[in-house]
């Protein structure tokens, strides 16, 4: 990655990181709502954006650095998914943990595919 691309990557991450944080705060699991809505939502949006961005046939590498790596990379979070799933398992919520993991993976793949299809239509 060349010099200017690092700056675009950092900009994308600087935009997405606070969004990721506040979505996590907003959608944090509670006793009334044990499903981690915030993490699910940011991972789903990141997959959709990644699908679209990978079809952006732009000659400028900074666009991919900004969107694909910076925005999507900072927005999505595998580690939090793993941690929340582990927490559900520790709490004895095996069914919910399984549903959370399966729905996140399924939604991610489907949204990446849908984003890719939308990207092909746009570009």
N, C-alpha and C. Protein backbone atom coordinates (compact mmCIF):
# COMPACT_ATOMS: atom_id res chain seq x y z
N UNK A 1 0.85 -1.16 0.00
CA UNK A 1 0.00 0.00 0.00
C UNK A 1 0.90 1.23 0.00
N UNK A 2 0.59 2.15 -0.86
CA UNK A 2 1.42 3.35 -1.02
C UNK A 2 1.04 4.40 0.02
N UNK A 3 1.88 5.42 0.14
CA UNK A 3 1.76 6.45 1.16
C UNK A 3 0.38 7.06 1.32
N UNK A 4 -0.18 7.58 0.25
CA UNK A 4 -1.48 8.25 0.35
C UNK A 4 -2.61 7.27 0.67
N UNK A 5 -2.46 6.02 0.25
CA UNK A 5 -3.51 5.03 0.54
C UNK A 5 -3.64 4.79 2.04
N UNK A 6 -2.53 4.88 2.77
CA UNK A 6 -2.59 4.71 4.22
C UNK A 6 -3.47 5.78 4.85
N UNK A 7 -3.40 6.98 4.33
CA UNK A 7 -4.21 8.08 4.86
C UNK A 7 -5.69 7.83 4.60
N UNK A 8 -6.02 7.31 3.44
CA UNK A 8 -7.42 6.99 3.13
C UNK A 8 -7.93 5.85 4.00
N UNK A 9 -7.08 4.85 4.20
CA UNK A 9 -7.43 3.75 5.09
C UNK A 9 -7.71 4.28 6.50
N UNK A 10 -6.84 5.16 6.98
CA UNK A 10 -7.01 5.73 8.32
C UNK A 10 -8.28 6.56 8.41
N UNK A 11 -8.60 7.28 7.36
CA UNK A 11 -9.83 8.07 7.35
C UNK A 11 -11.05 7.16 7.44
N UNK A 12 -11.06 6.09 6.65
CA UNK A 12 -12.18 5.14 6.71
C UNK A 12 -12.32 4.54 8.09
N UNK A 13 -11.22 4.16 8.70
CA UNK A 13 -11.26 3.59 10.05
C UNK A 13 -11.70 4.62 11.07
N UNK A 14 -11.28 5.88 10.89
CA UNK A 14 -11.67 6.94 11.82
C UNK A 14 -13.17 7.22 11.75
N UNK A 15 -13.76 7.03 10.61
CA UNK A 15 -15.21 7.21 10.46
C UNK A 15 -15.95 6.02 11.06
N UNK A 16 -15.50 4.82 10.74
CA UNK A 16 -16.24 3.60 11.13
C UNK A 16 -16.06 3.22 12.59
N UNK A 17 -14.91 3.48 13.17
CA UNK A 17 -14.66 3.05 14.55
C UNK A 17 -15.65 3.63 15.56
N UNK A 18 -15.91 4.93 15.52
CA UNK A 18 -16.92 5.45 16.46
C UNK A 18 -18.32 4.90 16.20
N UNK A 19 -18.65 4.69 14.92
CA UNK A 19 -19.96 4.10 14.59
C UNK A 19 -20.04 2.71 15.20
N UNK A 20 -18.99 1.94 15.04
CA UNK A 20 -18.93 0.59 15.61
C UNK A 20 -19.10 0.64 17.13
N UNK A 21 -18.41 1.56 17.78
CA UNK A 21 -18.49 1.68 19.22
C UNK A 21 -19.92 2.03 19.67
N UNK A 22 -20.50 3.06 19.08
CA UNK A 22 -21.82 3.49 19.52
C UNK A 22 -22.90 2.48 19.18
N UNK A 23 -22.76 1.76 18.09
CA UNK A 23 -23.72 0.68 17.80
C UNK A 23 -23.60 -0.43 18.84
N UNK A 24 -22.38 -0.70 19.27
CA UNK A 24 -22.17 -1.69 20.32
C UNK A 24 -22.81 -1.26 21.63
N UNK A 25 -22.67 0.01 21.97
CA UNK A 25 -23.29 0.54 23.19
C UNK A 25 -24.81 0.46 23.08
N UNK A 26 -25.34 0.92 21.94
CA UNK A 26 -26.79 0.92 21.72
C UNK A 26 -27.37 -0.49 21.74
N UNK A 27 -26.71 -1.42 21.07
CA UNK A 27 -27.26 -2.77 20.91
C UNK A 27 -26.66 -3.79 21.84
N UNK A 28 -26.09 -3.35 22.95
CA UNK A 28 -25.47 -4.28 23.90
C UNK A 28 -26.52 -5.25 24.45
N UNK A 29 -26.14 -6.52 24.57
CA UNK A 29 -27.08 -7.49 25.12
C UNK A 29 -27.48 -7.13 26.56
N UNK A 30 -28.74 -7.35 26.86
CA UNK A 30 -29.26 -7.13 28.21
C UNK A 30 -30.04 -8.37 28.62
N UNK A 31 -30.50 -8.39 29.86
CA UNK A 31 -31.33 -9.52 30.29
C UNK A 31 -32.61 -9.59 29.49
N UNK A 32 -33.17 -8.44 29.14
CA UNK A 32 -34.42 -8.41 28.37
C UNK A 32 -34.19 -8.73 26.89
N UNK A 33 -33.01 -8.35 26.38
CA UNK A 33 -32.68 -8.57 24.97
C UNK A 33 -31.28 -9.17 24.90
N UNK A 34 -31.16 -10.49 25.03
CA UNK A 34 -29.82 -11.10 25.07
C UNK A 34 -29.13 -11.17 23.71
N UNK A 35 -29.85 -10.98 22.62
CA UNK A 35 -29.25 -11.04 21.29
C UNK A 35 -28.42 -9.78 21.06
N UNK A 36 -27.15 -9.90 20.69
CA UNK A 36 -26.27 -8.75 20.48
C UNK A 36 -26.60 -7.99 19.19
N UNK A 37 -27.62 -7.17 19.24
CA UNK A 37 -28.13 -6.48 18.06
C UNK A 37 -27.08 -5.55 17.43
N UNK A 38 -26.34 -4.83 18.26
CA UNK A 38 -25.36 -3.87 17.74
C UNK A 38 -24.28 -4.53 16.91
N UNK A 39 -23.69 -5.58 17.43
CA UNK A 39 -22.62 -6.28 16.70
C UNK A 39 -23.18 -6.92 15.44
N UNK A 40 -24.36 -7.51 15.55
CA UNK A 40 -25.00 -8.12 14.39
C UNK A 40 -25.19 -7.07 13.29
N UNK A 41 -25.69 -5.89 13.68
CA UNK A 41 -25.98 -4.84 12.70
C UNK A 41 -24.71 -4.33 12.02
N UNK A 42 -23.66 -4.05 12.78
CA UNK A 42 -22.44 -3.52 12.14
C UNK A 42 -21.78 -4.56 11.24
N UNK A 43 -21.81 -5.81 11.66
CA UNK A 43 -21.23 -6.85 10.80
C UNK A 43 -22.04 -6.99 9.52
N UNK A 44 -23.36 -6.92 9.61
CA UNK A 44 -24.21 -7.03 8.42
C UNK A 44 -23.96 -5.86 7.46
N UNK A 45 -23.93 -4.65 7.99
CA UNK A 45 -23.69 -3.47 7.15
C UNK A 45 -22.31 -3.54 6.51
N UNK A 46 -21.32 -3.95 7.27
CA UNK A 46 -19.96 -4.06 6.73
C UNK A 46 -19.91 -5.06 5.58
N UNK A 47 -20.61 -6.17 5.72
CA UNK A 47 -20.62 -7.17 4.64
C UNK A 47 -21.29 -6.62 3.39
N UNK A 48 -22.38 -5.90 3.56
CA UNK A 48 -23.07 -5.29 2.42
C UNK A 48 -22.18 -4.27 1.73
N UNK A 49 -21.56 -3.38 2.51
CA UNK A 49 -20.67 -2.38 1.94
C UNK A 49 -19.47 -3.01 1.24
N UNK A 50 -18.93 -4.06 1.84
CA UNK A 50 -17.80 -4.74 1.22
C UNK A 50 -18.19 -5.34 -0.11
N UNK A 51 -19.36 -5.97 -0.15
CA UNK A 51 -19.84 -6.54 -1.41
C UNK A 51 -19.96 -5.49 -2.50
N UNK A 52 -20.52 -4.33 -2.15
CA UNK A 52 -20.64 -3.24 -3.13
C UNK A 52 -19.26 -2.72 -3.52
N UNK A 53 -18.42 -2.48 -2.52
CA UNK A 53 -17.13 -1.85 -2.80
C UNK A 53 -16.21 -2.70 -3.66
N UNK A 54 -16.33 -4.01 -3.55
CA UNK A 54 -15.46 -4.87 -4.35
C UNK A 54 -15.85 -4.87 -5.83
N UNK A 55 -17.02 -4.34 -6.14
CA UNK A 55 -17.42 -4.20 -7.55
C UNK A 55 -17.14 -2.82 -8.09
N UNK A 56 -16.65 -1.94 -7.25
CA UNK A 56 -16.34 -0.58 -7.69
C UNK A 56 -15.09 -0.64 -8.56
N UNK A 57 -15.28 -0.60 -9.84
CA UNK A 57 -14.15 -0.72 -10.77
C UNK A 57 -13.52 0.66 -10.97
N UNK A 58 -12.92 1.13 -9.90
CA UNK A 58 -12.27 2.42 -9.97
C UNK A 58 -10.76 2.20 -10.07
N UNK A 59 -10.11 2.98 -10.89
CA UNK A 59 -8.66 2.82 -11.01
C UNK A 59 -7.91 3.38 -9.80
N UNK A 60 -8.60 4.15 -8.98
CA UNK A 60 -7.94 4.76 -7.83
C UNK A 60 -7.88 3.78 -6.66
N UNK A 61 -6.70 3.33 -6.28
CA UNK A 61 -6.58 2.39 -5.17
C UNK A 61 -7.01 2.99 -3.83
N UNK A 62 -7.03 4.31 -3.74
CA UNK A 62 -7.43 4.94 -2.48
C UNK A 62 -8.90 4.66 -2.16
N UNK A 63 -9.73 4.44 -3.20
CA UNK A 63 -11.15 4.16 -2.95
C UNK A 63 -11.28 2.82 -2.21
N UNK A 64 -10.55 1.82 -2.66
CA UNK A 64 -10.59 0.52 -1.98
C UNK A 64 -10.01 0.64 -0.58
N UNK A 65 -8.94 1.43 -0.42
CA UNK A 65 -8.35 1.61 0.91
C UNK A 65 -9.35 2.27 1.86
N UNK A 66 -10.05 3.28 1.37
CA UNK A 66 -11.04 4.00 2.19
C UNK A 66 -12.22 3.12 2.56
N UNK A 67 -12.84 2.49 1.55
CA UNK A 67 -14.09 1.77 1.78
C UNK A 67 -13.86 0.34 2.24
N UNK A 68 -13.18 -0.45 1.42
CA UNK A 68 -13.05 -1.89 1.72
C UNK A 68 -12.26 -2.16 2.98
N UNK A 69 -11.11 -1.53 3.11
CA UNK A 69 -10.24 -1.82 4.23
C UNK A 69 -10.56 -0.92 5.42
N UNK A 70 -10.61 0.39 5.19
CA UNK A 70 -10.84 1.33 6.29
C UNK A 70 -12.22 1.24 6.90
N UNK A 71 -13.24 1.55 6.09
CA UNK A 71 -14.61 1.54 6.61
C UNK A 71 -15.07 0.14 7.03
N UNK A 72 -15.00 -0.80 6.10
CA UNK A 72 -15.51 -2.15 6.39
C UNK A 72 -14.68 -2.86 7.45
N UNK A 73 -13.37 -2.66 7.39
CA UNK A 73 -12.50 -3.31 8.36
C UNK A 73 -12.74 -2.83 9.78
N UNK A 74 -12.93 -1.53 9.94
CA UNK A 74 -13.15 -0.99 11.28
C UNK A 74 -14.59 -1.16 11.75
N UNK A 75 -15.51 -1.29 10.82
CA UNK A 75 -16.91 -1.44 11.20
C UNK A 75 -17.23 -2.86 11.65
N UNK A 76 -16.68 -3.84 10.97
CA UNK A 76 -16.99 -5.23 11.31
C UNK A 76 -16.11 -5.70 12.46
N UNK A 77 -16.58 -6.75 13.14
CA UNK A 77 -15.83 -7.20 14.31
C UNK A 77 -16.04 -8.68 14.59
N UNK A 78 -15.09 -9.46 14.16
CA UNK A 78 -15.12 -10.90 14.42
C UNK A 78 -14.85 -11.18 15.89
N UNK A 79 -13.95 -10.42 16.49
CA UNK A 79 -13.58 -10.69 17.89
C UNK A 79 -14.77 -10.46 18.82
N UNK A 80 -15.55 -9.41 18.58
CA UNK A 80 -16.71 -9.18 19.44
C UNK A 80 -17.76 -10.25 19.22
N UNK A 81 -17.95 -10.68 17.99
CA UNK A 81 -18.86 -11.80 17.71
C UNK A 81 -18.45 -13.03 18.50
N UNK A 82 -17.17 -13.34 18.49
CA UNK A 82 -16.66 -14.51 19.22
C UNK A 82 -16.86 -14.34 20.72
N UNK A 83 -16.57 -13.15 21.22
CA UNK A 83 -16.70 -12.89 22.66
C UNK A 83 -18.16 -12.98 23.11
N UNK A 84 -19.06 -12.38 22.35
CA UNK A 84 -20.48 -12.41 22.72
C UNK A 84 -21.04 -13.83 22.61
N UNK A 85 -20.62 -14.56 21.62
CA UNK A 85 -21.05 -15.96 21.49
C UNK A 85 -20.56 -16.77 22.69
N UNK A 86 -19.30 -16.55 23.08
CA UNK A 86 -18.75 -17.23 24.25
C UNK A 86 -19.53 -16.87 25.51
N UNK A 87 -19.90 -15.61 25.64
CA UNK A 87 -20.69 -15.17 26.79
C UNK A 87 -22.05 -15.85 26.85
N UNK A 88 -22.68 -15.99 25.68
CA UNK A 88 -23.96 -16.68 25.64
C UNK A 88 -23.79 -18.15 26.02
N UNK A 89 -22.72 -18.77 25.56
CA UNK A 89 -22.46 -20.17 25.92
C UNK A 89 -22.20 -20.31 27.42
N UNK A 90 -21.41 -19.41 27.98
CA UNK A 90 -21.14 -19.44 29.42
C UNK A 90 -22.41 -19.26 30.24
N UNK A 91 -23.35 -18.49 29.72
CA UNK A 91 -24.62 -18.26 30.41
C UNK A 91 -25.60 -19.42 30.20
N UNK A 92 -25.18 -20.44 29.48
CA UNK A 92 -26.04 -21.60 29.24
C UNK A 92 -27.06 -21.39 28.13
N UNK A 93 -26.90 -20.35 27.35
CA UNK A 93 -27.83 -20.05 26.25
C UNK A 93 -27.28 -20.62 24.94
N UNK A 94 -27.20 -21.93 24.89
CA UNK A 94 -26.60 -22.63 23.75
C UNK A 94 -27.39 -22.39 22.47
N UNK A 95 -28.71 -22.45 22.56
CA UNK A 95 -29.54 -22.21 21.39
C UNK A 95 -29.38 -20.80 20.84
N UNK A 96 -29.37 -19.82 21.74
CA UNK A 96 -29.22 -18.43 21.30
C UNK A 96 -27.82 -18.20 20.74
N UNK A 97 -26.80 -18.78 21.37
CA UNK A 97 -25.43 -18.66 20.86
C UNK A 97 -25.33 -19.24 19.46
N UNK A 98 -25.92 -20.39 19.26
CA UNK A 98 -25.90 -21.03 17.94
C UNK A 98 -26.65 -20.19 16.92
N UNK A 99 -27.80 -19.66 17.31
CA UNK A 99 -28.60 -18.84 16.40
C UNK A 99 -27.86 -17.55 16.04
N UNK A 100 -27.21 -16.96 17.04
CA UNK A 100 -26.45 -15.72 16.81
C UNK A 100 -25.31 -15.96 15.82
N UNK A 101 -24.55 -16.99 16.07
CA UNK A 101 -23.42 -17.29 15.20
C UNK A 101 -23.89 -17.64 13.79
N UNK A 102 -24.87 -18.52 13.69
CA UNK A 102 -25.36 -18.94 12.38
C UNK A 102 -26.01 -17.78 11.62
N UNK A 103 -26.80 -16.96 12.32
CA UNK A 103 -27.48 -15.86 11.63
C UNK A 103 -26.48 -14.79 11.20
N UNK A 104 -25.44 -14.57 11.98
CA UNK A 104 -24.44 -13.59 11.60
C UNK A 104 -23.68 -14.04 10.36
N UNK A 105 -23.28 -15.29 10.33
CA UNK A 105 -22.55 -15.82 9.17
C UNK A 105 -23.46 -15.82 7.94
N UNK A 106 -24.69 -16.31 8.10
CA UNK A 106 -25.62 -16.37 6.97
C UNK A 106 -25.94 -14.97 6.45
N UNK A 107 -26.25 -14.05 7.35
CA UNK A 107 -26.56 -12.67 6.93
C UNK A 107 -25.35 -12.04 6.25
N UNK A 108 -24.16 -12.27 6.80
CA UNK A 108 -22.95 -11.71 6.22
C UNK A 108 -22.72 -12.18 4.79
N UNK A 109 -22.85 -13.47 4.59
CA UNK A 109 -22.63 -14.03 3.25
C UNK A 109 -23.71 -13.53 2.29
N UNK A 110 -24.96 -13.56 2.71
CA UNK A 110 -26.05 -13.11 1.84
C UNK A 110 -25.94 -11.62 1.53
N UNK A 111 -25.59 -10.82 2.52
CA UNK A 111 -25.48 -9.38 2.28
C UNK A 111 -24.25 -9.05 1.44
N UNK A 112 -23.16 -9.77 1.61
CA UNK A 112 -22.00 -9.57 0.74
C UNK A 112 -22.37 -9.91 -0.70
N UNK A 113 -23.11 -10.99 -0.88
CA UNK A 113 -23.56 -11.37 -2.22
C UNK A 113 -24.50 -10.31 -2.80
N UNK A 114 -25.46 -9.85 -1.98
CA UNK A 114 -26.41 -8.83 -2.44
C UNK A 114 -25.68 -7.52 -2.76
N UNK A 115 -24.74 -7.15 -1.92
CA UNK A 115 -23.96 -5.95 -2.19
C UNK A 115 -23.15 -6.07 -3.46
N UNK A 116 -22.59 -7.24 -3.68
CA UNK A 116 -21.83 -7.49 -4.90
C UNK A 116 -22.73 -7.38 -6.12
N UNK A 117 -23.93 -7.94 -6.04
CA UNK A 117 -24.89 -7.85 -7.15
C UNK A 117 -25.28 -6.39 -7.39
N UNK A 118 -25.53 -5.65 -6.31
CA UNK A 118 -25.88 -4.23 -6.44
C UNK A 118 -24.70 -3.46 -7.03
N UNK A 119 -23.51 -3.77 -6.61
CA UNK A 119 -22.32 -3.11 -7.15
C UNK A 119 -22.15 -3.34 -8.63
N UNK A 120 -22.46 -4.56 -9.09
CA UNK A 120 -22.36 -4.86 -10.52
C UNK A 120 -23.36 -4.02 -11.31
N UNK A 121 -24.54 -3.79 -10.72
CA UNK A 121 -25.55 -2.96 -11.39
C UNK A 121 -25.13 -1.49 -11.43
N UNK A 122 -24.47 -1.04 -10.39
CA UNK A 122 -24.07 0.37 -10.30
C UNK A 122 -22.82 0.67 -11.10
N UNK A 123 -21.90 -0.28 -11.18
CA UNK A 123 -20.63 -0.02 -11.86
C UNK A 123 -20.53 -0.91 -13.04
